[in-house]
Amino acid sequence: MSSVAQTIGPWLSDDGLRVFIILTLIIGGGAAFLAGRGLARGWRPLWRLFFYMALLAGAVRFFDYALFDGKLLSVYYYAVAYLVLLTAGLLGFRSMRTTQMVTQYHWLYKRTSPLTWKDR
């Protein structure tokens, strides 16, 4: 067990749920949300998000393996991490794109929710 896992381990327990919540949902999800916003802010196409989230899911799985002795080469855990990160990335992308559309083209569109807009 690594020194980081020994230090943090007592309050994370060995069940993996807390590790998943902290590492994948909070840290990885936050990074994915910000990456989605960054792609939208630069007017990049949505398909790039799918590629970047695949890389980020690999990094999250590696940190789980290196710090908490998780399974590195598990397709199931990678797919779960990828879907969680992709969801967070899509939320970030769509929220920024909505803000861009209603701010830059305020005479054409108005916001209907944090993730949608419609014609005026």
PDB file of N, CA and C in Angstrom:
ATOM      1  N   MET A   1       0.848  -1.177   0.000  1.00  0.00           N
ATOM      2  CA  MET A   1       0.000   0.000   0.000  1.00  0.00           C
ATOM      3  C   MET A   1       0.895   1.242   0.000  1.00  0.00           C
ATOM      4  N   SER A   2       0.577   2.212  -0.801  1.00  0.00           N
ATOM      5  CA  SER A   2       1.403   3.415  -0.898  1.00  0.00           C
ATOM      6  C   SER A   2       1.248   4.289   0.331  1.00  0.00           C
ATOM      7  N   SER A   3       2.179   5.223   0.504  1.00  0.00           N
ATOM      8  CA  SER A   3       2.145   6.090   1.686  1.00  0.00           C
ATOM      9  C   SER A   3       0.928   7.015   1.671  1.00  0.00           C
ATOM     10  N   VAL A   4       0.521   7.450   0.488  1.00  0.00           N
ATOM     11  CA  VAL A   4      -0.670   8.303   0.407  1.00  0.00           C
ATOM     12  C   VAL A   4      -1.899   7.519   0.847  1.00  0.00           C
ATOM     13  N   ALA A   5      -2.005   6.293   0.399  1.00  0.00           N
ATOM     14  CA  ALA A   5      -3.141   5.465   0.779  1.00  0.00           C
ATOM     15  C   ALA A   5      -3.116   5.168   2.271  1.00  0.00           C
ATOM     16  N   GLN A   6      -1.933   5.004   2.862  1.00  0.00           N
ATOM     17  CA  GLN A   6      -1.849   4.764   4.296  1.00  0.00           C
ATOM     18  C   GLN A   6      -2.267   6.001   5.076  1.00  0.00           C
ATOM     19  N   THR A   7      -1.920   7.173   4.545  1.00  0.00           N
ATOM     20  CA  THR A   7      -2.272   8.413   5.222  1.00  0.00           C
ATOM     21  C   THR A   7      -3.764   8.701   5.116  1.00  0.00           C
ATOM     22  N   ILE A   8      -4.300   8.558   3.930  1.00  0.00           N
ATOM     23  CA  ILE A   8      -5.703   8.891   3.682  1.00  0.00           C
ATOM     24  C   ILE A   8      -6.613   7.692   3.943  1.00  0.00           C
ATOM     25  N   GLY A   9      -6.060   6.510   3.885  1.00  0.00           N
ATOM     26  CA  GLY A   9      -6.815   5.271   3.953  1.00  0.00           C
ATOM     27  C   GLY A   9      -7.791   5.097   5.084  1.00  0.00           C
ATOM     28  N   PRO A  10      -7.441   5.470   6.340  1.00  0.00           N
ATOM     29  CA  PRO A  10      -8.384   5.202   7.432  1.00  0.00           C
ATOM     30  C   PRO A  10      -9.763   5.833   7.251  1.00  0.00           C
ATOM     31  N   TRP A  11      -9.855   7.004   6.683  1.00  0.00           N
ATOM     32  CA  TRP A  11     -11.174   7.625   6.525  1.00  0.00           C
ATOM     33  C   TRP A  11     -11.797   7.326   5.185  1.00  0.00           C
ATOM     34  N   LEU A  12     -11.061   6.672   4.287  1.00  0.00           N
ATOM     35  CA  LEU A  12     -11.650   6.280   3.006  1.00  0.00           C
ATOM     36  C   LEU A  12     -12.194   4.856   3.031  1.00  0.00           C
ATOM     37  N   SER A  13     -11.702   4.037   3.912  1.00  0.00           N
ATOM     38  CA  SER A  13     -12.048   2.628   4.041  1.00  0.00           C
ATOM     39  C   SER A  13     -11.660   1.856   2.783  1.00  0.00           C
ATOM     40  N   ASP A  14     -11.818   0.543   2.838  1.00  0.00           N
ATOM     41  CA  ASP A  14     -11.411  -0.312   1.727  1.00  0.00           C
ATOM     42  C   ASP A  14     -12.560  -0.675   0.798  1.00  0.00           C
ATOM     43  N   ASP A  15     -13.768  -0.198   1.057  1.00  0.00           N
ATOM     44  CA  ASP A  15     -14.893  -0.600   0.226  1.00  0.00           C
ATOM     45  C   ASP A  15     -14.876   0.038  -1.153  1.00  0.00           C
ATOM     46  N   GLY A  16     -14.146   1.113  -1.324  1.00  0.00           N
ATOM     47  CA  GLY A  16     -14.013   1.729  -2.638  1.00  0.00           C
ATOM     48  C   GLY A  16     -15.072   2.758  -2.965  1.00  0.00           C
ATOM     49  N   LEU A  17     -16.170   2.768  -2.250  1.00  0.00           N
ATOM     50  CA  LEU A  17     -17.242   3.722  -2.559  1.00  0.00           C
ATOM     51  C   LEU A  17     -16.790   5.148  -2.279  1.00  0.00           C
ATOM     52  N   ARG A  18     -16.162   5.356  -1.143  1.00  0.00           N
ATOM     53  CA  ARG A  18     -15.685   6.703  -0.831  1.00  0.00           C
ATOM     54  C   ARG A  18     -14.588   7.138  -1.779  1.00  0.00           C
ATOM     55  N   VAL A  19     -13.731   6.212  -2.150  1.00  0.00           N
ATOM     56  CA  VAL A  19     -12.683   6.529  -3.129  1.00  0.00           C
ATOM     57  C   VAL A  19     -13.326   6.922  -4.453  1.00  0.00           C
ATOM     58  N   PHE A  20     -14.337   6.180  -4.865  1.00  0.00           N
ATOM     59  CA  PHE A  20     -15.040   6.491  -6.107  1.00  0.00           C
ATOM     60  C   PHE A  20     -15.682   7.870  -6.037  1.00  0.00           C
ATOM     61  N   ILE A  21     -16.341   8.161  -4.923  1.00  0.00           N
ATOM     62  CA  ILE A  21     -17.023   9.451  -4.791  1.00  0.00           C
ATOM     63  C   ILE A  21     -16.018  10.596  -4.824  1.00  0.00           C
ATOM     64  N   ILE A  22     -14.950  10.471  -4.061  1.00  0.00           N
ATOM     65  CA  ILE A  22     -13.979  11.568  -3.989  1.00  0.00           C
ATOM     66  C   ILE A  22     -13.153  11.674  -5.263  1.00  0.00           C
ATOM     67  N   LEU A  23     -12.597  10.556  -5.708  1.00  0.00           N
ATOM     68  CA  LEU A  23     -11.685  10.597  -6.852  1.00  0.00           C
ATOM     69  C   LEU A  23     -12.410  10.773  -8.182  1.00  0.00           C
ATOM     70  N   THR A  24     -13.426   9.988  -8.420  1.00  0.00           N
ATOM     71  CA  THR A  24     -14.093  10.019  -9.722  1.00  0.00           C
ATOM     72  C   THR A  24     -15.144  11.125  -9.804  1.00  0.00           C
ATOM     73  N   LEU A  25     -16.027  11.172  -8.831  1.00  0.00           N
ATOM     74  CA  LEU A  25     -17.119  12.145  -8.915  1.00  0.00           C
ATOM     75  C   LEU A  25     -16.660  13.569  -8.637  1.00  0.00           C
ATOM     76  N   ILE A  26     -15.949  13.783  -7.534  1.00  0.00           N
ATOM     77  CA  ILE A  26     -15.609  15.153  -7.148  1.00  0.00           C
ATOM     78  C   ILE A  26     -14.406  15.679  -7.930  1.00  0.00           C
ATOM     79  N   ILE A  27     -13.276  14.987  -7.849  1.00  0.00           N
ATOM     80  CA  ILE A  27     -12.065  15.490  -8.510  1.00  0.00           C
ATOM     81  C   ILE A  27     -12.149  15.311 -10.025  1.00  0.00           C
ATOM     82  N   GLY A  28     -12.422  14.080 -10.477  1.00  0.00           N
ATOM     83  CA  GLY A  28     -12.519  13.829 -11.911  1.00  0.00           C
ATOM     84  C   GLY A  28     -13.699  14.536 -12.555  1.00  0.00           C
ATOM     85  N   GLY A  29     -14.846  14.529 -11.872  1.00  0.00           N
ATOM     86  CA  GLY A  29     -16.031  15.206 -12.405  1.00  0.00           C
ATOM     87  C   GLY A  29     -15.830  16.709 -12.504  1.00  0.00           C
ATOM     88  N   GLY A  30     -15.157  17.274 -11.515  1.00  0.00           N
ATOM     89  CA  GLY A  30     -14.849  18.705 -11.576  1.00  0.00           C
ATOM     90  C   GLY A  30     -13.925  19.038 -12.729  1.00  0.00           C
ATOM     91  N   ALA A  31     -12.916  18.203 -12.920  1.00  0.00           N
ATOM     92  CA  ALA A  31     -12.001  18.419 -14.049  1.00  0.00           C
ATOM     93  C   ALA A  31     -12.725  18.258 -15.377  1.00  0.00           C
ATOM     94  N   ALA A  32     -13.615  17.281 -15.460  1.00  0.00           N
ATOM     95  CA  ALA A  32     -14.372  17.057 -16.692  1.00  0.00           C
ATOM     96  C   ALA A  32     -15.308  18.227 -16.974  1.00  0.00           C
ATOM     97  N   PHE A  33     -15.975  18.732 -15.939  1.00  0.00           N
ATOM     98  CA  PHE A  33     -16.870  19.876 -16.105  1.00  0.00           C
ATOM     99  C   PHE A  33     -16.095  21.087 -16.629  1.00  0.00           C
ATOM    100  N   LEU A  34     -14.942  21.355 -16.036  1.00  0.00           N
ATOM    101  CA  LEU A  34     -14.124  22.488 -16.477  1.00  0.00           C
ATOM    102  C   LEU A  34     -13.558  22.274 -17.877  1.00  0.00           C
ATOM    103  N   ALA A  35     -13.221  21.032 -18.211  1.00  0.00           N
ATOM    104  CA  ALA A  35     -12.741  20.742 -19.566  1.00  0.00           C
ATOM    105  C   ALA A  35     -13.851  20.975 -20.590  1.00  0.00           C
ATOM    106  N   GLY A  36     -15.058  20.564 -20.264  1.00  0.00           N
ATOM    107  CA  GLY A  36     -16.196  20.806 -21.155  1.00  0.00           C
ATOM    108  C   GLY A  36     -16.443  22.292 -21.355  1.00  0.00           C
ATOM    109  N   ARG A  37     -16.375  23.054 -20.271  1.00  0.00           N
ATOM    110  CA  ARG A  37     -16.532  24.513 -20.371  1.00  0.00           C
ATOM    111  C   ARG A  37     -15.424  25.123 -21.222  1.00  0.00           C
ATOM    112  N   GLY A  38     -14.213  24.650 -21.033  1.00  0.00           N
ATOM    113  CA  GLY A  38     -13.083  25.180 -21.806  1.00  0.00           C
ATOM    114  C   GLY A  38     -13.211  24.896 -23.292  1.00  0.00           C
ATOM    115  N   LEU A  39     -13.669  23.699 -23.628  1.00  0.00           N
ATOM    116  CA  LEU A  39     -13.872  23.376 -25.044  1.00  0.00           C
ATOM    117  C   LEU A  39     -14.954  24.257 -25.650  1.00  0.00           C
ATOM    118  N   ALA A  40     -16.040  24.451 -24.920  1.00  0.00           N
ATOM    119  CA  ALA A  40     -17.121  25.288 -25.437  1.00  0.00           C
ATOM    120  C   ALA A  40     -16.676  26.742 -25.543  1.00  0.00           C
ATOM    121  N   ARG A  41     -15.917  27.216 -24.558  1.00  0.00           N
ATOM    122  CA  ARG A  41     -15.467  28.610 -24.569  1.00  0.00           C
ATOM    123  C   ARG A  41     -14.603  28.897 -25.801  1.00  0.00           C
ATOM    124  N   GLY A  42     -13.818  27.917 -26.222  1.00  0.00           N
ATOM    125  CA  GLY A  42     -12.987  28.083 -27.412  1.00  0.00           C
ATOM    126  C   GLY A  42     -13.700  27.733 -28.702  1.00  0.00           C
ATOM    127  N   TRP A  43     -15.008  27.493 -28.645  1.00  0.00           N
ATOM    128  CA  TRP A  43     -15.826  27.121 -29.802  1.00  0.00           C
ATOM    129  C   TRP A  43     -15.293  25.867 -30.490  1.00  0.00           C
ATOM    130  N   ARG A  44     -14.794  24.938 -29.702  1.00  0.00           N
ATOM    131  CA  ARG A  44     -14.318  23.661 -30.237  1.00  0.00           C
ATOM    132  C   ARG A  44     -15.506  22.731 -30.463  1.00  0.00           C
ATOM    133  N   PRO A  45     -15.383  21.775 -31.370  1.00  0.00           N
ATOM    134  CA  PRO A  45     -16.498  20.853 -31.622  1.00  0.00           C
ATOM    135  C   PRO A  45     -16.705  19.885 -30.455  1.00  0.00           C
ATOM    136  N   LEU A  46     -17.930  19.418 -30.320  1.00  0.00           N
ATOM    137  CA  LEU A  46     -18.298  18.532 -29.220  1.00  0.00           C
ATOM    138  C   LEU A  46     -17.555  17.201 -29.270  1.00  0.00           C
ATOM    139  N   TRP A  47     -17.225  16.697 -30.450  1.00  0.00           N
ATOM    140  CA  TRP A  47     -16.604  15.377 -30.544  1.00  0.00           C
ATOM    141  C   TRP A  47     -15.268  15.326 -29.816  1.00  0.00           C
ATOM    142  N   ARG A  48     -14.594  16.438 -29.660  1.00  0.00           N
ATOM    143  CA  ARG A  48     -13.325  16.429 -28.933  1.00  0.00           C
ATOM    144  C   ARG A  48     -13.509  16.049 -27.472  1.00  0.00           C
ATOM    145  N   LEU A  49     -14.652  16.376 -26.924  1.00  0.00           N
ATOM    146  CA  LEU A  49     -14.923  16.053 -25.528  1.00  0.00           C
ATOM    147  C   LEU A  49     -14.876  14.544 -25.298  1.00  0.00           C
ATOM    148  N   PHE A  50     -15.374  13.761 -26.239  1.00  0.00           N
ATOM    149  CA  PHE A  50     -15.373  12.307 -26.094  1.00  0.00           C
ATOM    150  C   PHE A  50     -13.943  11.768 -26.011  1.00  0.00           C
ATOM    151  N   PHE A  51     -13.050  12.316 -26.816  1.00  0.00           N
ATOM    152  CA  PHE A  51     -11.646  11.903 -26.792  1.00  0.00           C
ATOM    153  C   PHE A  51     -10.972  12.319 -25.486  1.00  0.00           C
ATOM    154  N   TYR A  52     -11.175  13.560 -25.067  1.00  0.00           N
ATOM    155  CA  TYR A  52     -10.531  14.052 -23.851  1.00  0.00           C
ATOM    156  C   TYR A  52     -11.042  13.339 -22.607  1.00  0.00           C
ATOM    157  N   MET A  53     -12.303  12.979 -22.585  1.00  0.00           N
ATOM    158  CA  MET A  53     -12.829  12.263 -21.422  1.00  0.00           C
ATOM    159  C   MET A  53     -12.296  10.836 -21.372  1.00  0.00           C
ATOM    160  N   ALA A  54     -11.987  10.251 -22.526  1.00  0.00           N
ATOM    161  CA  ALA A  54     -11.348   8.926 -22.531  1.00  0.00           C
ATOM    162  C   ALA A  54      -9.966   9.007 -21.886  1.00  0.00           C
ATOM    163  N   LEU A  55      -9.223  10.066 -22.195  1.00  0.00           N
ATOM    164  CA  LEU A  55      -7.909  10.255 -21.574  1.00  0.00           C
ATOM    165  C   LEU A  55      -8.039  10.527 -20.079  1.00  0.00           C
ATOM    166  N   LEU A  56      -8.988  11.363 -19.709  1.00  0.00           N
ATOM    167  CA  LEU A  56      -9.187  11.690 -18.300  1.00  0.00           C
ATOM    168  C   LEU A  56      -9.638  10.464 -17.510  1.00  0.00           C
ATOM    169  N   ALA A  57     -10.475   9.632 -18.089  1.00  0.00           N
ATOM    170  CA  ALA A  57     -10.905   8.403 -17.413  1.00  0.00           C
ATOM    171  C   ALA A  57      -9.711   7.487 -17.176  1.00  0.00           C
ATOM    172  N   GLY A  58      -8.797   7.416 -18.129  1.00  0.00           N
ATOM    173  CA  GLY A  58      -7.578   6.641 -17.932  1.00  0.00           C
ATOM    174  C   GLY A  58      -6.736   7.193 -16.801  1.00  0.00           C
ATOM    175  N   ALA A  59      -6.653   8.502 -16.701  1.00  0.00           N
ATOM    176  CA  ALA A  59      -5.884   9.126 -15.618  1.00  0.00           C
ATOM    177  C   ALA A  59      -6.540   8.866 -14.265  1.00  0.00           C
ATOM    178  N   VAL A  60      -7.855   8.971 -14.198  1.00  0.00           N
ATOM    179  CA  VAL A  60      -8.561   8.701 -12.943  1.00  0.00           C
ATOM    180  C   VAL A  60      -8.368   7.254 -12.524  1.00  0.00           C
ATOM    181  N   ARG A  61      -8.461   6.330 -13.464  1.00  0.00           N
ATOM    182  CA  ARG A  61      -8.246   4.913 -13.152  1.00  0.00           C
ATOM    183  C   ARG A  61      -6.810   4.676 -12.692  1.00  0.00           C
ATOM    184  N   PHE A  62      -5.846   5.369 -13.307  1.00  0.00           N
ATOM    185  CA  PHE A  62      -4.462   5.209 -12.877  1.00  0.00           C
ATOM    186  C   PHE A  62      -4.269   5.713 -11.454  1.00  0.00           C
ATOM    187  N   PHE A  63      -4.853   6.859 -11.113  1.00  0.00           N
ATOM    188  CA  PHE A  63      -4.730   7.369  -9.744  1.00  0.00           C
ATOM    189  C   PHE A  63      -5.379   6.416  -8.746  1.00  0.00           C
ATOM    190  N   ASP A  64      -6.509   5.821  -9.122  1.00  0.00           N
ATOM    191  CA  ASP A  64      -7.142   4.846  -8.251  1.00  0.00           C
ATOM    192  C   ASP A  64      -6.218   3.650  -8.041  1.00  0.00           C
ATOM    193  N   TYR A  65      -5.562   3.213  -9.079  1.00  0.00           N
ATOM    194  CA  TYR A  65      -4.635   2.090  -8.994  1.00  0.00           C
ATOM    195  C   TYR A  65      -3.383   2.456  -8.187  1.00  0.00           C
ATOM    196  N   ALA A  66      -2.797   3.608  -8.489  1.00  0.00           N
ATOM    197  CA  ALA A  66      -1.531   3.978  -7.867  1.00  0.00           C
ATOM    198  C   ALA A  66      -1.680   4.383  -6.402  1.00  0.00           C
ATOM    199  N   LEU A  67      -2.762   5.048  -6.066  1.00  0.00           N
ATOM    200  CA  LEU A  67      -2.913   5.563  -4.705  1.00  0.00           C
ATOM    201  C   LEU A  67      -3.711   4.650  -3.783  1.00  0.00           C
ATOM    202  N   PHE A  68      -4.660   3.901  -4.344  1.00  0.00           N
ATOM    203  CA  PHE A  68      -5.570   3.134  -3.494  1.00  0.00           C
ATOM    204  C   PHE A  68      -5.644   1.655  -3.872  1.00  0.00           C
ATOM    205  N   ASP A  69      -4.674   1.161  -4.633  1.00  0.00           N
ATOM    206  CA  ASP A  69      -4.596  -0.245  -5.017  1.00  0.00           C
ATOM    207  C   ASP A  69      -5.852  -0.751  -5.716  1.00  0.00           C
ATOM    208  N   GLY A  70      -6.425   0.090  -6.568  1.00  0.00           N
ATOM    209  CA  GLY A  70      -7.577  -0.322  -7.354  1.00  0.00           C
ATOM    210  C   GLY A  70      -7.142  -1.156  -8.539  1.00  0.00           C
ATOM    211  N   LYS A  71      -8.104  -1.645  -9.289  1.00  0.00           N
ATOM    212  CA  LYS A  71      -7.807  -2.442 -10.491  1.00  0.00           C
ATOM    213  C   LYS A  71      -7.530  -1.494 -11.655  1.00  0.00           C
ATOM    214  N   LEU A  72      -6.372  -1.621 -12.253  1.00  0.00           N
ATOM    215  CA  LEU A  72      -6.000  -0.729 -13.350  1.00  0.00           C
ATOM    216  C   LEU A  72      -6.651  -1.142 -14.664  1.00  0.00           C
ATOM    217  N   LEU A  73      -6.598  -2.393 -15.012  1.00  0.00           N
ATOM    218  CA  LEU A  73      -7.048  -2.858 -16.325  1.00  0.00           C
ATOM    219  C   LEU A  73      -8.424  -3.511 -16.268  1.00  0.00           C
ATOM    220  N   SER A  74      -9.371  -2.843 -15.658  1.00  0.00           N
ATOM    221  CA  SER A  74     -10.740  -3.326 -15.592  1.00  0.00           C
ATOM    222  C   SER A  74     -11.593  -2.513 -16.564  1.00  0.00           C
ATOM    223  N   VAL A  75     -12.150  -3.192 -17.540  1.00  0.00           N
ATOM    224  CA  VAL A  75     -12.988  -2.522 -18.532  1.00  0.00           C
ATOM    225  C   VAL A  75     -14.239  -1.936 -17.873  1.00  0.00           C
ATOM    226  N   TYR A  76     -14.801  -2.653 -16.917  1.00  0.00           N
ATOM    227  CA  TYR A  76     -16.004  -2.194 -16.239  1.00  0.00           C
ATOM    228  C   TYR A  76     -15.752  -0.880 -15.495  1.00  0.00           C
ATOM    229  N   TYR A  77     -14.708  -0.819 -14.693  1.00  0.00           N
ATOM    230  CA  TYR A  77     -14.423   0.391 -13.920  1.00  0.00           C
ATOM    231  C   TYR A  77     -14.037   1.555 -14.833  1.00  0.00           C
ATOM    232  N   TYR A  78     -13.339   1.249 -15.912  1.00  0.00           N
ATOM    233  CA  TYR A  78     -12.997   2.302 -16.866  1.00  0.00           C
ATOM    234  C   TYR A  78     -14.270   2.854 -17.526  1.00  0.00           C
ATOM    235  N   ALA A  79     -15.172   1.963 -17.900  1.00  0.00           N
ATOM    236  CA  ALA A  79     -16.418   2.397 -18.554  1.00  0.00           C
ATOM    237  C   ALA A  79     -17.269   3.237 -17.605  1.00  0.00           C
ATOM    238  N   VAL A  80     -17.330   2.847 -16.340  1.00  0.00           N
ATOM    239  CA  VAL A  80     -18.099   3.624 -15.364  1.00  0.00           C
ATOM    240  C   VAL A  80     -17.478   5.010 -15.197  1.00  0.00           C
ATOM    241  N   ALA A  81     -16.157   5.054 -15.039  1.00  0.00           N
ATOM    242  CA  ALA A  81     -15.471   6.344 -14.895  1.00  0.00           C
ATOM    243  C   ALA A  81     -15.673   7.197 -16.145  1.00  0.00           C
ATOM    244  N   TYR A  82     -15.589   6.578 -17.325  1.00  0.00           N
ATOM    245  CA  TYR A  82     -15.765   7.315 -18.573  1.00  0.00           C
ATOM    246  C   TYR A  82     -17.171   7.920 -18.662  1.00  0.00           C
ATOM    247  N   LEU A  83     -18.175   7.149 -18.313  1.00  0.00           N
ATOM    248  CA  LEU A  83     -19.548   7.653 -18.389  1.00  0.00           C
ATOM    249  C   LEU A  83     -19.793   8.782 -17.394  1.00  0.00           C
ATOM    250  N   VAL A  84     -19.257   8.654 -16.187  1.00  0.00           N
ATOM    251  CA  VAL A  84     -19.414   9.713 -15.188  1.00  0.00           C
ATOM    252  C   VAL A  84     -18.723  10.985 -15.665  1.00  0.00           C
ATOM    253  N   LEU A  85     -17.493  10.862 -16.154  1.00  0.00           N
ATOM    254  CA  LEU A  85     -16.742  12.023 -16.615  1.00  0.00           C
ATOM    255  C   LEU A  85     -17.360  12.626 -17.870  1.00  0.00           C
ATOM    256  N   LEU A  86     -17.851  11.791 -18.765  1.00  0.00           N
ATOM    257  CA  LEU A  86     -18.495  12.290 -19.970  1.00  0.00           C
ATOM    258  C   LEU A  86     -19.763  13.077 -19.626  1.00  0.00           C
ATOM    259  N   THR A  87     -20.523  12.585 -18.666  1.00  0.00           N
ATOM    260  CA  THR A  87     -21.718  13.308 -18.234  1.00  0.00           C
ATOM    261  C   THR A  87     -21.356  14.679 -17.675  1.00  0.00           C
ATOM    262  N   ALA A  88     -20.355  14.730 -16.810  1.00  0.00           N
ATOM    263  CA  ALA A  88     -19.926  16.009 -16.241  1.00  0.00           C
ATOM    264  C   ALA A  88     -19.378  16.931 -17.325  1.00  0.00           C
ATOM    265  N   GLY A  89     -18.621  16.387 -18.267  1.00  0.00           N
ATOM    266  CA  GLY A  89     -18.082  17.184 -19.357  1.00  0.00           C
ATOM    267  C   GLY A  89     -19.176  17.742 -20.263  1.00  0.00           C
ATOM    268  N   LEU A  90     -20.167  16.920 -20.544  1.00  0.00           N
ATOM    269  CA  LEU A  90     -21.285  17.382 -21.375  1.00  0.00           C
ATOM    270  C   LEU A  90     -22.087  18.476 -20.674  1.00  0.00           C
ATOM    271  N   LEU A  91     -22.262  18.349 -19.367  1.00  0.00           N
ATOM    272  CA  LEU A  91     -22.954  19.405 -18.612  1.00  0.00           C
ATOM    273  C   LEU A  91     -22.173  20.716 -18.672  1.00  0.00           C
ATOM    274  N   GLY A  92     -20.867  20.641 -18.510  1.00  0.00           N
ATOM    275  CA  GLY A  92     -20.045  21.843 -18.597  1.00  0.00           C
ATOM    276  C   GLY A  92     -20.068  22.455 -19.983  1.00  0.00           C
ATOM    277  N   PHE A  93     -19.976  21.610 -20.991  1.00  0.00           N
ATOM    278  CA  PHE A  93     -19.993  22.084 -22.379  1.00  0.00           C
ATOM    279  C   PHE A  93     -21.306  22.781 -22.691  1.00  0.00           C
ATOM    280  N   ARG A  94     -22.394  22.120 -22.337  1.00  0.00           N
ATOM    281  CA  ARG A  94     -23.714  22.660 -22.688  1.00  0.00           C
ATOM    282  C   ARG A  94     -24.039  23.941 -21.906  1.00  0.00           C
ATOM    283  N   SER A  95     -23.633  23.995 -20.643  1.00  0.00           N
ATOM    284  CA  SER A  95     -23.912  25.207 -19.870  1.00  0.00           C
ATOM    285  C   SER A  95     -23.129  26.399 -20.417  1.00  0.00           C
ATOM    286  N   MET A  96     -21.879  26.184 -20.806  1.00  0.00           N
ATOM    287  CA  MET A  96     -21.093  27.276 -21.385  1.00  0.00           C
ATOM    288  C   MET A  96     -21.626  27.661 -22.763  1.00  0.00           C
ATOM    289  N   ARG A  97     -22.020  26.693 -23.570  1.00  0.00           N
ATOM    290  CA  ARG A  97     -22.540  27.001 -24.897  1.00  0.00           C
ATOM    291  C   ARG A  97     -23.841  27.788 -24.792  1.00  0.00           C
ATOM    292  N   THR A  98     -24.678  27.434 -23.826  1.00  0.00           N
ATOM    293  CA  THR A  98     -25.911  28.190 -23.607  1.00  0.00           C
ATOM    294  C   THR A  98     -25.599  29.622 -23.224  1.00  0.00           C
ATOM    295  N   THR A  99     -24.662  29.812 -22.313  1.00  0.00           N
ATOM    296  CA  THR A  99     -24.262  31.161 -21.908  1.00  0.00           C
ATOM    297  C   THR A  99     -23.713  31.941 -23.094  1.00  0.00           C
ATOM    298  N   GLN A 100     -22.910  31.312 -23.916  1.00  0.00           N
ATOM    299  CA  GLN A 100     -22.353  31.983 -25.097  1.00  0.00           C
ATOM    300  C   GLN A 100     -23.463  32.413 -26.059  1.00  0.00           C
ATOM    301  N   MET A 101     -24.379  31.526 -26.327  1.00  0.00           N
ATOM    302  CA  MET A 101     -25.415  31.824 -27.312  1.00  0.00           C
ATOM    303  C   MET A 101     -26.324  32.958 -26.853  1.00  0.00           C
ATOM    304  N   VAL A 102     -26.724  32.943 -25.578  1.00  0.00           N
ATOM    305  CA  VAL A 102     -27.644  33.979 -25.118  1.00  0.00           C
ATOM    306  C   VAL A 102     -26.926  35.287 -24.805  1.00  0.00           C
ATOM    307  N   THR A 103     -25.621  35.264 -24.640  1.00  0.00           N
ATOM    308  CA  THR A 103     -24.863  36.488 -24.379  1.00  0.00           C
ATOM    309  C   THR A 103     -24.410  37.141 -25.682  1.00  0.00           C
ATOM    310  N   GLN A 104     -23.826  36.357 -26.567  1.00  0.00           N
ATOM    311  CA  GLN A 104     -23.281  36.921 -27.804  1.00  0.00           C
ATOM    312  C   GLN A 104     -24.351  37.172 -28.860  1.00  0.00           C
ATOM    313  N   TYR A 105     -25.418  36.433 -28.806  1.00  0.00           N
ATOM    314  CA  TYR A 105     -26.498  36.596 -29.779  1.00  0.00           C
ATOM    315  C   TYR A 105     -27.808  36.880 -29.047  1.00  0.00           C
ATOM    316  N   HIS A 106     -27.779  37.864 -28.159  1.00  0.00           N
ATOM    317  CA  HIS A 106     -28.934  38.144 -27.309  1.00  0.00           C
ATOM    318  C   HIS A 106     -30.156  38.591 -28.101  1.00  0.00           C
ATOM    319  N   TRP A 107     -29.980  39.098 -29.300  1.00  0.00           N
ATOM    320  CA  TRP A 107     -31.126  39.511 -30.108  1.00  0.00           C
ATOM    321  C   TRP A 107     -31.785  38.315 -30.808  1.00  0.00           C
ATOM    322  N   LEU A 108     -31.102  37.171 -30.853  1.00  0.00           N
ATOM    323  CA  LEU A 108     -31.655  35.988 -31.503  1.00  0.00           C
ATOM    324  C   LEU A 108     -32.203  34.948 -30.529  1.00  0.00           C
ATOM    325  N   TYR A 109     -31.528  34.810 -29.372  1.00  0.00           N
ATOM    326  CA  TYR A 109     -31.862  33.706 -28.464  1.00  0.00           C
ATOM    327  C   TYR A 109     -32.109  34.203 -27.055  1.00  0.00           C
ATOM    328  N   LYS A 110     -32.935  33.442 -26.338  1.00  0.00           N
ATOM    329  CA  LYS A 110     -33.100  33.701 -24.914  1.00  0.00           C
ATOM    330  C   LYS A 110     -33.005  32.369 -24.168  1.00  0.00           C
ATOM    331  N   ARG A 111     -32.500  32.451 -22.951  1.00  0.00           N
ATOM    332  CA  ARG A 111     -32.263  31.257 -22.134  1.00  0.00           C
ATOM    333  C   ARG A 111     -33.594  30.707 -21.633  1.00  0.00           C
ATOM    334  N   THR A 112     -33.763  29.389 -21.733  1.00  0.00           N
ATOM    335  CA  THR A 112     -34.956  28.746 -21.202  1.00  0.00           C
ATOM    336  C   THR A 112     -34.628  27.910 -19.964  1.00  0.00           C
ATOM    337  N   SER A 113     -33.374  27.512 -19.811  1.00  0.00           N
ATOM    338  CA  SER A 113     -32.899  26.794 -18.633  1.00  0.00           C
ATOM    339  C   SER A 113     -31.377  26.921 -18.627  1.00  0.00           C
ATOM    340  N   PRO A 114     -30.707  26.423 -17.618  1.00  0.00           N
ATOM    341  CA  PRO A 114     -29.239  26.519 -17.628  1.00  0.00           C
ATOM    342  C   PRO A 114     -28.575  25.785 -18.787  1.00  0.00           C
ATOM    343  N   LEU A 115     -29.299  24.865 -19.433  1.00  0.00           N
ATOM    344  CA  LEU A 115     -28.699  24.079 -20.511  1.00  0.00           C
ATOM    345  C   LEU A 115     -29.353  24.278 -21.872  1.00  0.00           C
ATOM    346  N   THR A 116     -30.362  25.144 -21.970  1.00  0.00           N
ATOM    347  CA  THR A 116     -31.063  25.298 -23.248  1.00  0.00           C
ATOM    348  C   THR A 116     -31.359  26.761 -23.545  1.00  0.00           C
ATOM    349  N   TRP A 117     -31.606  27.027 -24.823  1.00  0.00           N
ATOM    350  CA  TRP A 117     -32.023  28.342 -25.263  1.00  0.00           C
ATOM    351  C   TRP A 117     -33.044  28.158 -26.387  1.00  0.00           C
ATOM    352  N   LYS A 118     -33.749  29.225 -26.715  1.00  0.00           N
ATOM    353  CA  LYS A 118     -34.711  29.149 -27.815  1.00  0.00           C
ATOM    354  C   LYS A 118     -34.692  30.470 -28.577  1.00  0.00           C
ATOM    355  N   ASP A 119     -35.275  30.454 -29.762  1.00  0.00           N
ATOM    356  CA  ASP A 119     -35.369  31.662 -30.569  1.00  0.00           C
ATOM    357  C   ASP A 119     -36.267  32.678 -29.894  1.00  0.00           C
ATOM    358  N   ARG A 120     -35.975  33.955 -30.109  1.00  0.00           N
ATOM    359  CA  ARG A 120     -36.828  35.015 -29.562  1.00  0.00           C
ATOM    360  C   ARG A 120     -38.066  35.183 -30.403  1.00  0.00           C
TER     361      ARG A 120
END
